[in-house]
Amino acid sequence: MSFSIKTGAQAVATGARAVAKGTGVLLDFLDNASVKLRPLSHIPLIGDTIGDVQDLVSMLHDYYHGEYKKIPAIVMAGTAAIVAYLVSPLDLVPDNIPLLGFVDDALIINLVMQLCIDKELDRYRAWREQQA
């Protein structure tokens, strides 16, 4: 797969537009990210990442449908960063390299999750349990 800075910039712009529009497009991007990582769900670190992405998708779904009321801007920015990285052809380790190609994606997601999403995701999980 060939890539260019222009293609990478277009992917980042697409992810950013999805966040800004507040539509289901973002959820589609994140669903695709979850599917991309699913083959490695049996590895502890990666499996946790897949669960986090799935909970993030669920949180954004509830937010967009007016059920979960507040998501801080930093969480939306972190989500945009995850989406942009996963859809971008620029990659630390190409995905066609077995195992390592997916591990770098999981590490980037974990880093962004720890920096700006984890606390809100914990609040969302507690809220979701109260709704059940």
C-alpha atoms as a PDB file:
ATOM      1  CA  MET A   1       0.000   0.000   0.000  1.00  0.00           C
ATOM      2  CA  SER A   2       1.488   3.325  -0.967  1.00  0.00           C
ATOM      3  CA  PHE A   3       0.794   6.469   0.966  1.00  0.00           C
ATOM      4  CA  SER A   4       1.530  10.133   0.867  1.00  0.00           C
ATOM      5  CA  ILE A   5       1.372  13.044   3.248  1.00  0.00           C
ATOM      6  CA  LYS A   6      -1.667  14.267   1.297  1.00  0.00           C
ATOM      7  CA  THR A   7      -3.476  10.953   1.793  1.00  0.00           C
ATOM      8  CA  GLY A   8      -2.620  10.944   5.494  1.00  0.00           C
ATOM      9  CA  ALA A   9      -3.823  14.519   5.864  1.00  0.00           C
ATOM     10  CA  GLN A  10      -7.075  13.609   4.108  1.00  0.00           C
ATOM     11  CA  ALA A  11      -7.621  10.709   6.529  1.00  0.00           C
ATOM     12  CA  VAL A  12      -6.995  12.980   9.514  1.00  0.00           C
ATOM     13  CA  ALA A  13      -9.371  15.585   8.083  1.00  0.00           C
ATOM     14  CA  THR A  14     -12.051  12.928   7.541  1.00  0.00           C
ATOM     15  CA  GLY A  15     -11.782  11.780  11.158  1.00  0.00           C
ATOM     16  CA  ALA A  16     -11.855  15.359  12.433  1.00  0.00           C
ATOM     17  CA  ARG A  17     -14.933  16.145  10.314  1.00  0.00           C
ATOM     18  CA  ALA A  18     -16.656  13.076  11.726  1.00  0.00           C
ATOM     19  CA  VAL A  19     -16.067  14.334  15.259  1.00  0.00           C
ATOM     20  CA  ALA A  20     -17.074  17.901  14.417  1.00  0.00           C
ATOM     21  CA  LYS A  21     -20.273  16.842  12.664  1.00  0.00           C
ATOM     22  CA  GLY A  22     -21.386  14.742  15.589  1.00  0.00           C
ATOM     23  CA  THR A  23     -22.837  12.082  13.290  1.00  0.00           C
ATOM     24  CA  GLY A  24     -22.727   8.330  13.153  1.00  0.00           C
ATOM     25  CA  VAL A  25     -19.738   8.597  10.805  1.00  0.00           C
ATOM     26  CA  LEU A  26     -17.447   8.682  13.830  1.00  0.00           C
ATOM     27  CA  LEU A  27     -19.071   5.575  15.220  1.00  0.00           C
ATOM     28  CA  ASP A  28     -18.471   3.823  11.892  1.00  0.00           C
ATOM     29  CA  PHE A  29     -14.784   4.801  12.042  1.00  0.00           C
ATOM     30  CA  LEU A  30     -14.470   3.457  15.569  1.00  0.00           C
ATOM     31  CA  ASP A  31     -16.348   0.266  14.722  1.00  0.00           C
ATOM     32  CA  ASN A  32     -13.848  -0.263  11.915  1.00  0.00           C
ATOM     33  CA  ALA A  33     -10.990   0.340  14.364  1.00  0.00           C
ATOM     34  CA  SER A  34     -12.430  -2.247  16.727  1.00  0.00           C
ATOM     35  CA  VAL A  35     -12.741  -4.767  13.887  1.00  0.00           C
ATOM     36  CA  LYS A  36      -9.161  -4.039  12.831  1.00  0.00           C
ATOM     37  CA  LEU A  37      -7.867  -4.955  16.301  1.00  0.00           C
ATOM     38  CA  ARG A  38     -10.217  -7.876  17.017  1.00  0.00           C
ATOM     39  CA  PRO A  39      -7.866 -10.609  15.671  1.00  0.00           C
ATOM     40  CA  LEU A  40      -5.570  -9.930  18.616  1.00  0.00           C
ATOM     41  CA  SER A  41      -8.231  -9.976  21.334  1.00  0.00           C
ATOM     42  CA  HIS A  42      -6.699 -13.022  23.056  1.00  0.00           C
ATOM     43  CA  ILE A  43      -3.509 -11.125  23.963  1.00  0.00           C
ATOM     44  CA  PRO A  44      -4.035  -9.449  27.387  1.00  0.00           C
ATOM     45  CA  LEU A  45      -2.820  -5.916  26.552  1.00  0.00           C
ATOM     46  CA  ILE A  46      -4.480  -5.922  23.136  1.00  0.00           C
ATOM     47  CA  GLY A  47      -7.680  -7.504  24.438  1.00  0.00           C
ATOM     48  CA  ASP A  48      -8.032  -4.683  26.944  1.00  0.00           C
ATOM     49  CA  THR A  49      -7.533  -2.177  24.135  1.00  0.00           C
ATOM     50  CA  ILE A  50     -10.286  -3.762  22.063  1.00  0.00           C
ATOM     51  CA  GLY A  51     -12.618  -3.613  25.059  1.00  0.00           C
ATOM     52  CA  ASP A  52     -11.760   0.051  25.577  1.00  0.00           C
ATOM     53  CA  VAL A  53     -12.457   0.865  21.915  1.00  0.00           C
ATOM     54  CA  GLN A  54     -15.778  -0.969  22.090  1.00  0.00           C
ATOM     55  CA  ASP A  55     -16.736   0.922  25.268  1.00  0.00           C
ATOM     56  CA  LEU A  56     -15.650   4.182  23.622  1.00  0.00           C
ATOM     57  CA  VAL A  57     -17.917   3.424  20.660  1.00  0.00           C
ATOM     58  CA  SER A  58     -20.766   2.664  23.067  1.00  0.00           C
ATOM     59  CA  MET A  59     -20.157   5.894  25.002  1.00  0.00           C
ATOM     60  CA  LEU A  60     -20.182   7.994  21.842  1.00  0.00           C
ATOM     61  CA  HIS A  61     -23.299   6.200  20.615  1.00  0.00           C
ATOM     62  CA  ASP A  62     -25.108   7.045  23.848  1.00  0.00           C
ATOM     63  CA  TYR A  63     -23.825  10.623  23.674  1.00  0.00           C
ATOM     64  CA  TYR A  64     -24.972  11.176  20.090  1.00  0.00           C
ATOM     65  CA  HIS A  65     -28.389   9.773  20.942  1.00  0.00           C
ATOM     66  CA  GLY A  66     -28.748  12.125  23.923  1.00  0.00           C
ATOM     67  CA  GLU A  67     -28.575   9.455  26.597  1.00  0.00           C
ATOM     68  CA  TYR A  68     -25.113  10.221  27.992  1.00  0.00           C
ATOM     69  CA  LYS A  69     -25.032  13.960  28.428  1.00  0.00           C
ATOM     70  CA  LYS A  70     -21.494  15.305  28.773  1.00  0.00           C
ATOM     71  CA  ILE A  71     -18.248  14.342  27.109  1.00  0.00           C
ATOM     72  CA  PRO A  72     -15.348  16.771  27.659  1.00  0.00           C
ATOM     73  CA  ALA A  73     -13.641  18.294  24.625  1.00  0.00           C
ATOM     74  CA  ILE A  74     -10.362  16.530  25.484  1.00  0.00           C
ATOM     75  CA  VAL A  75     -12.131  13.176  25.164  1.00  0.00           C
ATOM     76  CA  MET A  76     -13.463  14.166  21.741  1.00  0.00           C
ATOM     77  CA  ALA A  77      -9.958  15.293  20.740  1.00  0.00           C
ATOM     78  CA  GLY A  78      -8.476  12.004  21.934  1.00  0.00           C
ATOM     79  CA  THR A  79     -11.133  10.102  20.027  1.00  0.00           C
ATOM     80  CA  ALA A  80     -10.310  12.085  16.898  1.00  0.00           C
ATOM     81  CA  ALA A  81      -6.621  11.269  17.384  1.00  0.00           C
ATOM     82  CA  ILE A  82      -7.374   7.543  17.658  1.00  0.00           C
ATOM     83  CA  VAL A  83      -9.584   7.610  14.575  1.00  0.00           C
ATOM     84  CA  ALA A  84      -7.049   9.620  12.599  1.00  0.00           C
ATOM     85  CA  TYR A  85      -4.226   7.248  13.480  1.00  0.00           C
ATOM     86  CA  LEU A  86      -6.196   4.125  12.656  1.00  0.00           C
ATOM     87  CA  VAL A  87      -7.482   5.346   9.293  1.00  0.00           C
ATOM     88  CA  SER A  88      -4.238   6.995   8.284  1.00  0.00           C
ATOM     89  CA  PRO A  89      -1.937   5.132   5.913  1.00  0.00           C
ATOM     90  CA  LEU A  90       0.957   6.462   8.010  1.00  0.00           C
ATOM     91  CA  ASP A  91       1.800   3.822  10.586  1.00  0.00           C
ATOM     92  CA  LEU A  92       4.713   3.210  12.942  1.00  0.00           C
ATOM     93  CA  VAL A  93       4.737  -0.445  11.894  1.00  0.00           C
ATOM     94  CA  PRO A  94       2.788  -1.424   8.747  1.00  0.00           C
ATOM     95  CA  ASP A  95      -0.260  -3.578   9.497  1.00  0.00           C
ATOM     96  CA  ASN A  96       0.840  -6.210   6.997  1.00  0.00           C
ATOM     97  CA  ILE A  97       3.666  -7.233   9.373  1.00  0.00           C
ATOM     98  CA  PRO A  98       2.137 -10.077  11.403  1.00  0.00           C
ATOM     99  CA  LEU A  99       1.395  -9.214  15.026  1.00  0.00           C
ATOM    100  CA  LEU A 100       3.730  -6.196  15.228  1.00  0.00           C
ATOM    101  CA  GLY A 101       1.565  -4.251  12.773  1.00  0.00           C
ATOM    102  CA  PHE A 102      -1.345  -4.419  15.195  1.00  0.00           C
ATOM    103  CA  VAL A 103       0.639  -4.074  18.401  1.00  0.00           C
ATOM    104  CA  ASP A 104       1.749  -0.543  17.510  1.00  0.00           C
ATOM    105  CA  ASP A 105      -1.882   0.424  16.893  1.00  0.00           C
ATOM    106  CA  ALA A 106      -2.831  -0.901  20.319  1.00  0.00           C
ATOM    107  CA  LEU A 107       0.058   0.944  21.970  1.00  0.00           C
ATOM    108  CA  ILE A 108      -0.953   4.251  20.363  1.00  0.00           C
ATOM    109  CA  ILE A 109      -4.574   3.719  21.397  1.00  0.00           C
ATOM    110  CA  ASN A 110      -3.520   2.883  24.970  1.00  0.00           C
ATOM    111  CA  LEU A 111      -1.360   5.998  25.143  1.00  0.00           C
ATOM    112  CA  VAL A 112      -4.175   8.278  23.984  1.00  0.00           C
ATOM    113  CA  MET A 113      -6.657   6.499  26.248  1.00  0.00           C
ATOM    114  CA  GLN A 114      -4.415   7.028  29.285  1.00  0.00           C
ATOM    115  CA  LEU A 115      -3.717  10.661  28.431  1.00  0.00           C
ATOM    116  CA  CYS A 116      -7.235  11.883  27.828  1.00  0.00           C
ATOM    117  CA  ILE A 117     -10.000   9.285  27.775  1.00  0.00           C
ATOM    118  CA  ASP A 118      -9.671   6.760  30.636  1.00  0.00           C
ATOM    119  CA  LYS A 119     -11.295   8.802  33.420  1.00  0.00           C
ATOM    120  CA  GLU A 120     -14.308   9.660  31.296  1.00  0.00           C
ATOM    121  CA  LEU A 121     -14.610   6.063  30.129  1.00  0.00           C
ATOM    122  CA  ASP A 122     -14.648   4.957  33.787  1.00  0.00           C
ATOM    123  CA  ARG A 123     -17.410   7.498  34.511  1.00  0.00           C
ATOM    124  CA  TYR A 124     -19.329   6.223  31.497  1.00  0.00           C
ATOM    125  CA  ARG A 125     -19.016   2.593  32.613  1.00  0.00           C
ATOM    126  CA  ALA A 126     -20.342   3.513  36.065  1.00  0.00           C
ATOM    127  CA  TRP A 127     -23.212   5.470  34.452  1.00  0.00           C
ATOM    128  CA  ARG A 128     -24.014   2.520  32.151  1.00  0.00           C
ATOM    129  CA  GLU A 129     -24.178   0.151  35.130  1.00  0.00           C
ATOM    130  CA  GLN A 130     -26.621   2.513  36.861  1.00  0.00           C
ATOM    131  CA  GLN A 131     -28.828   2.506  33.760  1.00  0.00           C
ATOM    132  CA  ALA A 132     -29.081  -1.306  33.719  1.00  0.00           C
END
